[in-house]
Amino acid sequence: MLFQKDHVSVRYVKEEDAQVISKWLTDPEVLQYYEGRDNPQSVEMVLDHFIHNPNSHEKRCVIEFDNMPIGYIQMYPVDFDWKALYGYEESQNIWGMDQFIGEPTYWGKGIGTKLVQAAITYIMENTGAEAIAMDPKVNNERAINCYEKCGFKKVKILKEHELHEGKLEDCWMMEYNFIGDR
């Protein structure tokens, strides 16, 4: 296990997780927020992208609630191009994270807040990061509210930033800064 807060735990993804991740990423209710309903992920796609990606520096993990898999989180050092887009210096140690709860019955129960709080603590204690950056779509109000509750601040709108269901969507660049305001 990588980290835990109350009933929420995070562990590295395993090959056996491909089936459940694919189940989540073929659910239209989940896909409306993550990947897109026009981009369902087969087991083979999940294995290639989420599990067997050797070029990735991401910490790819499954979120569990009382030992039951309910979602996915990835944490990673932000690369030079993304740092430039977000407005950071190349030398800064900035981490990013993306996550989703794949079981809609667990939405709206505070689990995302516990997860994000625990991930912030993990990144702060283990990476030397100066900040964590995320870029949720502007219409993902539930996620944005969760991130703000955990201390993330909206920094700027990223116009037409993410291709989602055939349309370039605006996203918020949000930041949790460990060393104070920019």
N, C-alpha and C. Protein backbone atom coordinates (compact mmCIF):
# COMPACT_ATOMS: atom_id res chain seq x y z
N MET A 1 0.85 -1.18 0.00
CA MET A 1 0.00 0.00 0.00
C MET A 1 0.90 1.25 0.00
N LEU A 2 0.52 2.22 -0.84
CA LEU A 2 1.29 3.46 -0.93
C LEU A 2 0.92 4.42 0.19
N PHE A 3 -0.39 4.62 0.40
CA PHE A 3 -0.84 5.45 1.52
C PHE A 3 -2.30 5.16 1.81
N GLN A 4 -2.74 5.66 2.98
CA GLN A 4 -4.10 5.38 3.44
C GLN A 4 -4.59 6.55 4.29
N LYS A 5 -5.88 6.82 4.22
CA LYS A 5 -6.54 7.77 5.12
C LYS A 5 -7.91 7.19 5.44
N ASP A 6 -8.11 6.88 6.71
CA ASP A 6 -9.36 6.26 7.15
C ASP A 6 -9.62 4.98 6.33
N HIS A 7 -10.75 4.89 5.68
CA HIS A 7 -11.10 3.68 4.92
C HIS A 7 -10.57 3.70 3.49
N VAL A 8 -9.94 4.80 3.09
CA VAL A 8 -9.45 4.97 1.71
C VAL A 8 -7.97 4.61 1.67
N SER A 9 -7.61 3.69 0.79
CA SER A 9 -6.20 3.33 0.62
C SER A 9 -5.84 3.37 -0.87
N VAL A 10 -4.55 3.53 -1.12
CA VAL A 10 -4.03 3.63 -2.49
C VAL A 10 -2.87 2.66 -2.61
N ARG A 11 -2.91 1.84 -3.65
CA ARG A 11 -1.83 0.88 -3.92
C ARG A 11 -1.49 0.93 -5.40
N TYR A 12 -0.28 0.47 -5.73
CA TYR A 12 0.12 0.43 -7.13
C TYR A 12 -0.81 -0.50 -7.92
N VAL A 13 -1.07 -0.11 -9.16
CA VAL A 13 -1.91 -0.90 -10.05
C VAL A 13 -1.20 -2.21 -10.39
N LYS A 14 -2.00 -3.27 -10.56
CA LYS A 14 -1.49 -4.58 -10.96
C LYS A 14 -2.20 -5.01 -12.24
N GLU A 15 -1.61 -5.95 -12.93
CA GLU A 15 -2.21 -6.43 -14.17
C GLU A 15 -3.64 -6.92 -13.95
N GLU A 16 -3.89 -7.53 -12.81
CA GLU A 16 -5.23 -8.05 -12.51
C GLU A 16 -6.27 -6.93 -12.40
N ASP A 17 -5.83 -5.68 -12.26
CA ASP A 17 -6.75 -4.55 -12.14
C ASP A 17 -7.31 -4.10 -13.50
N ALA A 18 -6.76 -4.61 -14.59
CA ALA A 18 -7.18 -4.14 -15.92
C ALA A 18 -8.68 -4.32 -16.14
N GLN A 19 -9.23 -5.42 -15.67
CA GLN A 19 -10.66 -5.71 -15.88
C GLN A 19 -11.53 -4.66 -15.20
N VAL A 20 -11.25 -4.34 -13.94
CA VAL A 20 -12.10 -3.39 -13.22
C VAL A 20 -11.88 -1.96 -13.74
N ILE A 21 -10.66 -1.61 -14.10
CA ILE A 21 -10.42 -0.27 -14.67
C ILE A 21 -11.15 -0.14 -15.99
N SER A 22 -11.13 -1.19 -16.81
CA SER A 22 -11.88 -1.17 -18.06
C SER A 22 -13.38 -1.05 -17.80
N LYS A 23 -13.87 -1.72 -16.77
CA LYS A 23 -15.29 -1.61 -16.41
C LYS A 23 -15.63 -0.14 -16.13
N TRP A 24 -14.78 0.53 -15.34
CA TRP A 24 -15.03 1.94 -15.03
C TRP A 24 -14.97 2.80 -16.29
N LEU A 25 -13.97 2.49 -17.14
CA LEU A 25 -13.74 3.34 -18.31
C LEU A 25 -14.55 2.90 -19.53
N THR A 26 -15.58 2.12 -19.29
CA THR A 26 -16.61 1.88 -20.31
C THR A 26 -17.98 2.31 -19.78
N ASP A 27 -18.01 2.84 -18.58
CA ASP A 27 -19.25 3.33 -17.96
C ASP A 27 -19.49 4.77 -18.40
N PRO A 28 -20.57 5.04 -19.15
CA PRO A 28 -20.82 6.40 -19.64
C PRO A 28 -20.88 7.45 -18.53
N GLU A 29 -21.34 7.04 -17.35
CA GLU A 29 -21.43 8.00 -16.24
C GLU A 29 -20.04 8.46 -15.80
N VAL A 30 -19.06 7.56 -15.81
CA VAL A 30 -17.68 7.90 -15.48
C VAL A 30 -17.02 8.63 -16.64
N LEU A 31 -17.25 8.12 -17.85
CA LEU A 31 -16.59 8.68 -19.04
C LEU A 31 -17.01 10.12 -19.34
N GLN A 32 -18.14 10.56 -18.85
CA GLN A 32 -18.52 11.95 -19.11
C GLN A 32 -17.53 12.91 -18.45
N TYR A 33 -16.77 12.43 -17.45
CA TYR A 33 -15.78 13.27 -16.76
C TYR A 33 -14.35 12.87 -17.07
N TYR A 34 -14.09 11.61 -17.41
CA TYR A 34 -12.72 11.11 -17.56
C TYR A 34 -12.63 10.31 -18.85
N GLU A 35 -11.80 10.73 -19.75
CA GLU A 35 -11.55 10.09 -21.05
C GLU A 35 -12.61 10.40 -22.11
N GLY A 36 -13.88 10.47 -21.77
CA GLY A 36 -14.93 10.79 -22.75
C GLY A 36 -15.74 9.58 -23.15
N ARG A 37 -17.04 9.79 -23.34
CA ARG A 37 -17.93 8.68 -23.69
C ARG A 37 -17.63 8.13 -25.08
N ASP A 38 -16.91 8.90 -25.90
CA ASP A 38 -16.52 8.42 -27.22
C ASP A 38 -15.18 7.67 -27.17
N ASN A 39 -14.65 7.46 -25.98
CA ASN A 39 -13.34 6.83 -25.84
C ASN A 39 -13.34 5.74 -24.76
N PRO A 40 -14.25 4.75 -24.86
CA PRO A 40 -14.24 3.68 -23.86
C PRO A 40 -12.94 2.88 -23.97
N GLN A 41 -12.48 2.38 -22.84
CA GLN A 41 -11.19 1.71 -22.76
C GLN A 41 -11.38 0.20 -22.57
N SER A 42 -11.01 -0.57 -23.57
CA SER A 42 -11.05 -2.03 -23.46
C SER A 42 -9.97 -2.50 -22.48
N VAL A 43 -10.05 -3.76 -22.09
CA VAL A 43 -9.02 -4.33 -21.21
C VAL A 43 -7.65 -4.18 -21.85
N GLU A 44 -7.54 -4.43 -23.15
CA GLU A 44 -6.25 -4.31 -23.84
C GLU A 44 -5.74 -2.87 -23.79
N MET A 45 -6.63 -1.91 -23.99
CA MET A 45 -6.23 -0.50 -23.93
C MET A 45 -5.78 -0.12 -22.53
N VAL A 46 -6.48 -0.61 -21.53
CA VAL A 46 -6.09 -0.34 -20.14
C VAL A 46 -4.71 -0.93 -19.85
N LEU A 47 -4.48 -2.16 -20.30
CA LEU A 47 -3.17 -2.77 -20.10
C LEU A 47 -2.07 -1.93 -20.75
N ASP A 48 -2.30 -1.47 -21.98
CA ASP A 48 -1.29 -0.68 -22.69
C ASP A 48 -1.07 0.69 -22.06
N HIS A 49 -2.14 1.38 -21.74
CA HIS A 49 -2.03 2.77 -21.30
C HIS A 49 -1.85 2.93 -19.79
N PHE A 50 -2.56 2.14 -19.01
CA PHE A 50 -2.57 2.35 -17.57
C PHE A 50 -1.64 1.41 -16.80
N ILE A 51 -1.23 0.31 -17.41
CA ILE A 51 -0.46 -0.68 -16.65
C ILE A 51 0.91 -0.96 -17.25
N HIS A 52 1.01 -1.18 -18.55
CA HIS A 52 2.29 -1.58 -19.16
C HIS A 52 2.98 -0.44 -19.89
N ASN A 53 2.89 0.76 -19.43
CA ASN A 53 3.49 1.90 -20.13
C ASN A 53 4.90 2.12 -19.58
N PRO A 54 5.93 1.55 -20.23
CA PRO A 54 7.28 1.59 -19.66
C PRO A 54 7.94 2.97 -19.69
N ASN A 55 7.45 3.88 -20.52
CA ASN A 55 8.07 5.20 -20.62
C ASN A 55 7.52 6.18 -19.59
N SER A 56 6.66 5.72 -18.76
CA SER A 56 5.97 6.61 -17.84
C SER A 56 6.70 6.72 -16.51
N HIS A 57 6.73 7.94 -15.97
CA HIS A 57 7.26 8.18 -14.62
C HIS A 57 6.11 8.31 -13.62
N GLU A 58 4.93 7.96 -14.07
CA GLU A 58 3.75 8.10 -13.23
C GLU A 58 3.68 7.01 -12.17
N LYS A 59 3.18 7.39 -11.01
CA LYS A 59 2.80 6.41 -10.00
C LYS A 59 1.34 6.12 -10.28
N ARG A 60 1.06 4.96 -10.86
CA ARG A 60 -0.29 4.58 -11.28
C ARG A 60 -0.87 3.66 -10.22
N CYS A 61 -2.02 4.04 -9.71
CA CYS A 61 -2.53 3.35 -8.53
C CYS A 61 -4.04 3.13 -8.59
N VAL A 62 -4.47 2.14 -7.83
CA VAL A 62 -5.88 1.86 -7.62
C VAL A 62 -6.27 2.43 -6.26
N ILE A 63 -7.44 3.04 -6.22
CA ILE A 63 -8.02 3.55 -4.99
C ILE A 63 -8.95 2.46 -4.45
N GLU A 64 -8.81 2.17 -3.17
CA GLU A 64 -9.69 1.19 -2.55
C GLU A 64 -10.43 1.83 -1.37
N PHE A 65 -11.65 1.38 -1.16
CA PHE A 65 -12.43 1.75 0.02
C PHE A 65 -12.75 0.45 0.74
N ASP A 66 -12.26 0.32 1.97
CA ASP A 66 -12.41 -0.95 2.71
C ASP A 66 -11.96 -2.13 1.85
N ASN A 67 -10.82 -1.98 1.20
CA ASN A 67 -10.17 -3.01 0.38
C ASN A 67 -10.91 -3.36 -0.90
N MET A 68 -11.94 -2.59 -1.27
CA MET A 68 -12.64 -2.81 -2.54
C MET A 68 -12.19 -1.75 -3.54
N PRO A 69 -11.72 -2.15 -4.73
CA PRO A 69 -11.31 -1.17 -5.73
C PRO A 69 -12.48 -0.28 -6.16
N ILE A 70 -12.28 1.04 -6.08
CA ILE A 70 -13.34 1.98 -6.47
C ILE A 70 -12.86 3.06 -7.42
N GLY A 71 -11.55 3.13 -7.71
CA GLY A 71 -11.09 4.20 -8.59
C GLY A 71 -9.62 4.11 -8.90
N TYR A 72 -9.14 5.15 -9.55
CA TYR A 72 -7.78 5.20 -10.09
C TYR A 72 -7.18 6.57 -9.82
N ILE A 73 -5.88 6.60 -9.49
CA ILE A 73 -5.15 7.86 -9.36
C ILE A 73 -3.76 7.67 -9.95
N GLN A 74 -3.29 8.71 -10.63
CA GLN A 74 -1.90 8.72 -11.09
C GLN A 74 -1.27 10.03 -10.63
N MET A 75 -0.03 9.92 -10.16
CA MET A 75 0.75 11.06 -9.68
C MET A 75 2.07 11.04 -10.43
N TYR A 76 2.56 12.22 -10.82
CA TYR A 76 3.72 12.24 -11.72
C TYR A 76 4.43 13.60 -11.66
N PRO A 77 5.75 13.58 -11.92
CA PRO A 77 6.46 14.86 -12.06
C PRO A 77 6.03 15.53 -13.37
N VAL A 78 5.71 16.81 -13.29
CA VAL A 78 5.25 17.55 -14.47
C VAL A 78 6.46 17.82 -15.36
N ASP A 79 6.32 17.54 -16.67
CA ASP A 79 7.44 17.73 -17.59
C ASP A 79 7.56 19.19 -18.04
N PHE A 80 8.63 19.47 -18.78
CA PHE A 80 8.97 20.84 -19.16
C PHE A 80 7.84 21.54 -19.91
N ASP A 81 7.24 20.87 -20.90
CA ASP A 81 6.19 21.51 -21.70
C ASP A 81 4.99 21.90 -20.84
N TRP A 82 4.61 21.01 -19.94
CA TRP A 82 3.47 21.31 -19.06
C TRP A 82 3.84 22.40 -18.05
N LYS A 83 5.07 22.39 -17.56
CA LYS A 83 5.50 23.46 -16.65
C LYS A 83 5.37 24.81 -17.35
N ALA A 84 5.81 24.88 -18.61
CA ALA A 84 5.72 26.14 -19.36
C ALA A 84 4.26 26.55 -19.52
N LEU A 85 3.39 25.63 -19.87
CA LEU A 85 1.97 25.93 -20.03
C LEU A 85 1.36 26.44 -18.73
N TYR A 86 1.73 25.80 -17.63
CA TYR A 86 1.18 26.16 -16.33
C TYR A 86 1.82 27.41 -15.74
N GLY A 87 2.97 27.84 -16.29
CA GLY A 87 3.62 29.06 -15.80
C GLY A 87 4.69 28.81 -14.75
N TYR A 88 5.28 27.64 -14.73
CA TYR A 88 6.35 27.32 -13.79
C TYR A 88 7.71 27.44 -14.47
N GLU A 89 8.74 27.58 -13.66
CA GLU A 89 10.11 27.55 -14.16
C GLU A 89 10.51 26.09 -14.38
N GLU A 90 11.41 25.88 -15.34
CA GLU A 90 11.86 24.52 -15.65
C GLU A 90 12.47 23.84 -14.43
N SER A 91 13.15 24.60 -13.59
CA SER A 91 13.87 24.02 -12.45
C SER A 91 12.95 23.64 -11.28
N GLN A 92 11.70 24.07 -11.31
CA GLN A 92 10.81 23.79 -10.19
C GLN A 92 10.36 22.32 -10.18
N ASN A 93 10.23 21.77 -8.98
CA ASN A 93 9.76 20.40 -8.81
C ASN A 93 8.24 20.44 -8.62
N ILE A 94 7.52 20.25 -9.71
CA ILE A 94 6.06 20.33 -9.72
C ILE A 94 5.52 18.93 -10.03
N TRP A 95 4.52 18.53 -9.27
CA TRP A 95 3.87 17.25 -9.52
C TRP A 95 2.45 17.48 -9.99
N GLY A 96 1.95 16.53 -10.77
CA GLY A 96 0.57 16.55 -11.21
C GLY A 96 -0.12 15.30 -10.70
N MET A 97 -1.44 15.35 -10.71
CA MET A 97 -2.19 14.15 -10.38
C MET A 97 -3.54 14.20 -11.08
N ASP A 98 -4.00 13.03 -11.45
CA ASP A 98 -5.31 12.83 -12.08
C ASP A 98 -5.96 11.66 -11.36
N GLN A 99 -7.24 11.76 -11.16
CA GLN A 99 -7.92 10.68 -10.45
C GLN A 99 -9.39 10.65 -10.81
N PHE A 100 -9.97 9.50 -10.60
CA PHE A 100 -11.43 9.38 -10.73
C PHE A 100 -11.90 8.26 -9.82
N ILE A 101 -13.10 8.42 -9.31
CA ILE A 101 -13.78 7.34 -8.60
C ILE A 101 -14.66 6.66 -9.65
N GLY A 102 -14.36 5.40 -9.92
CA GLY A 102 -15.02 4.69 -11.00
C GLY A 102 -16.33 4.03 -10.62
N GLU A 103 -16.65 4.04 -9.36
CA GLU A 103 -17.92 3.47 -8.88
C GLU A 103 -18.83 4.63 -8.49
N PRO A 104 -19.76 5.03 -9.35
CA PRO A 104 -20.61 6.19 -9.07
C PRO A 104 -21.37 6.11 -7.75
N THR A 105 -21.62 4.91 -7.23
CA THR A 105 -22.31 4.82 -5.93
C THR A 105 -21.45 5.38 -4.80
N TYR A 106 -20.16 5.59 -5.05
CA TYR A 106 -19.27 6.17 -4.04
C TYR A 106 -19.10 7.68 -4.23
N TRP A 107 -19.74 8.26 -5.22
CA TRP A 107 -19.65 9.70 -5.44
C TRP A 107 -20.45 10.44 -4.36
N GLY A 108 -19.99 11.63 -4.02
CA GLY A 108 -20.73 12.48 -3.09
C GLY A 108 -20.69 12.02 -1.64
N LYS A 109 -19.72 11.19 -1.29
CA LYS A 109 -19.63 10.66 0.08
C LYS A 109 -18.38 11.14 0.81
N GLY A 110 -17.63 12.09 0.21
CA GLY A 110 -16.42 12.60 0.85
C GLY A 110 -15.18 11.77 0.62
N ILE A 111 -15.30 10.71 -0.17
CA ILE A 111 -14.15 9.83 -0.41
C ILE A 111 -13.10 10.54 -1.25
N GLY A 112 -13.53 11.30 -2.26
CA GLY A 112 -12.59 12.05 -3.08
C GLY A 112 -11.79 13.04 -2.26
N THR A 113 -12.44 13.69 -1.31
CA THR A 113 -11.75 14.65 -0.44
C THR A 113 -10.68 13.94 0.39
N LYS A 114 -11.03 12.81 0.99
CA LYS A 114 -10.04 12.05 1.76
C LYS A 114 -8.88 11.60 0.87
N LEU A 115 -9.21 11.15 -0.34
CA LEU A 115 -8.18 10.71 -1.28
C LEU A 115 -7.23 11.86 -1.61
N VAL A 116 -7.77 13.00 -2.01
CA VAL A 116 -6.93 14.13 -2.42
C VAL A 116 -6.10 14.62 -1.24
N GLN A 117 -6.67 14.70 -0.05
CA GLN A 117 -5.90 15.11 1.13
C GLN A 117 -4.74 14.15 1.38
N ALA A 118 -4.99 12.86 1.29
CA ALA A 118 -3.94 11.86 1.50
C ALA A 118 -2.89 11.93 0.41
N ALA A 119 -3.29 12.17 -0.84
CA ALA A 119 -2.34 12.29 -1.94
C ALA A 119 -1.45 13.52 -1.76
N ILE A 120 -2.03 14.63 -1.33
CA ILE A 120 -1.24 15.84 -1.06
C ILE A 120 -0.16 15.52 -0.02
N THR A 121 -0.55 14.87 1.07
CA THR A 121 0.41 14.52 2.12
C THR A 121 1.49 13.59 1.57
N TYR A 122 1.09 12.58 0.80
CA TYR A 122 2.06 11.64 0.23
C TYR A 122 3.07 12.38 -0.66
N ILE A 123 2.57 13.21 -1.56
CA ILE A 123 3.46 13.93 -2.48
C ILE A 123 4.38 14.86 -1.70
N MET A 124 3.84 15.58 -0.72
CA MET A 124 4.64 16.51 0.07
C MET A 124 5.75 15.77 0.81
N GLU A 125 5.44 14.64 1.41
CA GLU A 125 6.41 13.93 2.25
C GLU A 125 7.40 13.08 1.46
N ASN A 126 7.11 12.78 0.19
CA ASN A 126 7.94 11.81 -0.54
C ASN A 126 8.61 12.33 -1.81
N THR A 127 8.29 13.53 -2.26
CA THR A 127 8.83 13.96 -3.56
C THR A 127 9.61 15.26 -3.53
N GLY A 128 9.50 16.03 -2.48
CA GLY A 128 10.12 17.35 -2.46
C GLY A 128 9.43 18.35 -3.37
N ALA A 129 8.20 18.07 -3.75
CA ALA A 129 7.47 18.96 -4.67
C ALA A 129 7.25 20.33 -4.04
N GLU A 130 7.30 21.35 -4.91
CA GLU A 130 6.97 22.71 -4.50
C GLU A 130 5.47 22.97 -4.66
N ALA A 131 4.84 22.24 -5.58
CA ALA A 131 3.41 22.44 -5.83
C ALA A 131 2.87 21.21 -6.54
N ILE A 132 1.54 21.07 -6.48
CA ILE A 132 0.82 20.07 -7.26
C ILE A 132 -0.10 20.83 -8.20
N ALA A 133 -0.11 20.45 -9.46
CA ALA A 133 -0.97 21.09 -10.46
C ALA A 133 -1.97 20.07 -11.00
N MET A 134 -3.19 20.54 -11.21
CA MET A 134 -4.23 19.73 -11.84
C MET A 134 -4.98 20.60 -12.83
N ASP A 135 -5.65 19.96 -13.79
CA ASP A 135 -6.36 20.73 -14.81
C ASP A 135 -7.74 20.13 -15.12
N PRO A 136 -8.66 20.18 -14.15
CA PRO A 136 -10.00 19.65 -14.40
C PRO A 136 -10.77 20.51 -15.41
N LYS A 137 -11.65 19.86 -16.15
CA LYS A 137 -12.51 20.61 -17.06
C LYS A 137 -13.38 21.57 -16.25
N VAL A 138 -13.65 22.76 -16.79
CA VAL A 138 -14.38 23.79 -16.05
C VAL A 138 -15.79 23.32 -15.65
N ASN A 139 -16.35 22.37 -16.39
CA ASN A 139 -17.71 21.91 -16.06
C ASN A 139 -17.73 20.76 -15.06
N ASN A 140 -16.58 20.35 -14.57
CA ASN A 140 -16.53 19.26 -13.59
C ASN A 140 -16.58 19.87 -12.18
N GLU A 141 -17.75 20.40 -11.85
CA GLU A 141 -17.90 21.17 -10.61
C GLU A 141 -17.68 20.33 -9.36
N ARG A 142 -18.09 19.07 -9.38
CA ARG A 142 -17.90 18.23 -8.20
C ARG A 142 -16.41 18.08 -7.89
N ALA A 143 -15.61 17.82 -8.92
CA ALA A 143 -14.16 17.68 -8.72
C ALA A 143 -13.54 19.00 -8.27
N ILE A 144 -13.91 20.09 -8.92
CA ILE A 144 -13.35 21.40 -8.57
C ILE A 144 -13.67 21.75 -7.12
N ASN A 145 -14.90 21.51 -6.69
CA ASN A 145 -15.26 21.76 -5.29
C ASN A 145 -14.43 20.92 -4.33
N CYS A 146 -14.21 19.66 -4.68
CA CYS A 146 -13.39 18.77 -3.86
C CYS A 146 -11.97 19.33 -3.76
N TYR A 147 -11.39 19.72 -4.89
CA TYR A 147 -10.01 20.21 -4.88
C TYR A 147 -9.89 21.50 -4.07
N GLU A 148 -10.86 22.39 -4.22
CA GLU A 148 -10.83 23.64 -3.44
C GLU A 148 -10.96 23.34 -1.94
N LYS A 149 -11.80 22.38 -1.59
CA LYS A 149 -11.96 22.00 -0.18
C LYS A 149 -10.63 21.49 0.39
N CYS A 150 -9.80 20.90 -0.47
CA CYS A 150 -8.51 20.35 -0.05
C CYS A 150 -7.38 21.38 -0.11
N GLY A 151 -7.67 22.60 -0.53
CA GLY A 151 -6.65 23.65 -0.54
C GLY A 151 -6.11 24.04 -1.89
N PHE A 152 -6.62 23.43 -2.97
CA PHE A 152 -6.20 23.84 -4.31
C PHE A 152 -6.84 25.19 -4.64
N LYS A 153 -6.11 26.00 -5.40
CA LYS A 153 -6.61 27.31 -5.84
C LYS A 153 -6.69 27.32 -7.36
N LYS A 154 -7.73 27.97 -7.88
CA LYS A 154 -7.82 28.19 -9.32
C LYS A 154 -6.79 29.24 -9.70
N VAL A 155 -5.96 28.93 -10.69
CA VAL A 155 -4.90 29.85 -11.12
C VAL A 155 -5.29 30.54 -12.41
N LYS A 156 -5.70 29.76 -13.41
CA LYS A 156 -6.08 30.36 -14.69
C LYS A 156 -6.87 29.35 -15.51
N ILE A 157 -7.63 29.90 -16.46
CA ILE A 157 -8.35 29.06 -17.43
C ILE A 157 -7.38 28.67 -18.54
N LEU A 158 -7.37 27.41 -18.88
CA LEU A 158 -6.61 26.91 -20.03
C LEU A 158 -7.62 26.73 -21.15
N LYS A 159 -7.64 27.67 -22.09
CA LYS A 159 -8.63 27.66 -23.17
C LYS A 159 -8.41 26.46 -24.10
N GLU A 160 -9.52 25.80 -24.44
CA GLU A 160 -9.50 24.68 -25.39
C GLU A 160 -8.34 23.73 -25.11
N HIS A 161 -8.24 23.31 -23.87
CA HIS A 161 -7.08 22.57 -23.37
C HIS A 161 -7.17 21.06 -23.56
N GLU A 162 -8.37 20.51 -23.45
CA GLU A 162 -8.50 19.06 -23.47
C GLU A 162 -9.55 18.63 -24.48
N LEU A 163 -9.15 17.70 -25.36
CA LEU A 163 -10.10 17.14 -26.31
C LEU A 163 -10.97 16.13 -25.57
N HIS A 164 -12.26 16.42 -25.52
CA HIS A 164 -13.19 15.57 -24.79
C HIS A 164 -14.45 15.43 -25.63
N GLU A 165 -14.73 14.20 -26.03
CA GLU A 165 -15.91 13.90 -26.83
C GLU A 165 -15.99 14.76 -28.08
N GLY A 166 -14.84 14.89 -28.76
CA GLY A 166 -14.78 15.57 -30.05
C GLY A 166 -14.71 17.08 -29.98
N LYS A 167 -14.62 17.64 -28.79
CA LYS A 167 -14.60 19.10 -28.64
C LYS A 167 -13.47 19.50 -27.71
N LEU A 168 -12.77 20.59 -28.07
CA LEU A 168 -11.74 21.11 -27.18
C LEU A 168 -12.41 21.85 -26.03
N GLU A 169 -12.16 21.39 -24.82
CA GLU A 169 -12.81 21.93 -23.62
C GLU A 169 -11.84 22.81 -22.84
N ASP A 170 -12.39 23.85 -22.20
CA ASP A 170 -11.61 24.68 -21.29
C ASP A 170 -11.41 23.92 -19.99
N CYS A 171 -10.25 24.15 -19.38
CA CYS A 171 -9.94 23.53 -18.09
C CYS A 171 -9.44 24.60 -17.13
N TRP A 172 -9.60 24.35 -15.87
CA TRP A 172 -8.97 25.19 -14.86
C TRP A 172 -7.59 24.63 -14.58
N MET A 173 -6.59 25.50 -14.56
CA MET A 173 -5.30 25.12 -14.00
C MET A 173 -5.44 25.41 -12.51
N MET A 174 -5.33 24.37 -11.69
CA MET A 174 -5.46 24.50 -10.24
C MET A 174 -4.15 24.08 -9.59
N GLU A 175 -3.86 24.68 -8.45
CA GLU A 175 -2.57 24.46 -7.82
C GLU A 175 -2.73 24.32 -6.31
N TYR A 176 -1.98 23.39 -5.76
CA TYR A 176 -1.75 23.32 -4.32
C TYR A 176 -0.28 23.66 -4.15
N ASN A 177 0.00 24.78 -3.50
CA ASN A 177 1.37 25.28 -3.41
C ASN A 177 1.90 25.02 -2.01
N PHE A 178 3.02 24.30 -1.92
CA PHE A 178 3.61 23.98 -0.63
C PHE A 178 4.45 25.12 -0.07
N ILE A 179 4.86 26.08 -0.92
CA ILE A 179 5.80 27.11 -0.46
C ILE A 179 5.20 28.51 -0.48
N GLY A 180 3.90 28.63 -0.57
CA GLY A 180 3.26 29.94 -0.54
C GLY A 180 2.75 30.35 -1.90
N ASP A 181 2.11 31.51 -1.94
CA ASP A 181 1.53 32.00 -3.19
C ASP A 181 2.61 32.31 -4.20
N ARG A 182 2.22 32.22 -5.47
CA ARG A 182 3.15 32.54 -6.56
C ARG A 182 3.47 34.01 -6.54
